[in-house]
């Protein structure tokens, strides 16, 4: 069983990057691979509780992120990116781990493959 790390840098609404990242994460764990979803920059907005996708034309991804957690995807949110976007730990979906740069680097090193969205 291999491990894949997916780095999401884009916010969840505006293009398909976030939807593709969570889709690939779910596909990996469904195929018996280990998967880590790493949220950095605008990608941390995927972890925000109570997302409002009104008027975006995109599907709300909060429930899909919760599905990822329930199926065994490790989800990390970069602490500095959370601060930059005005989010605190209590603002994010339960089970998303707040991580620093060294934690994120270690997760990427452990992966056999890395994808950037």
Foldseek 3Di string as FASTA:
>chain_A
DFEEEEEEAAAPFDDCRLVVRLVVLVVQLVVVYAYEYEYAANSCNLFFPPDDCPPRPDDNCVVSVVVSVVSHYAAEYEPVNCVVVVHDPVRGDPRHHYDYPVVVVVSNVRGPYYHYD
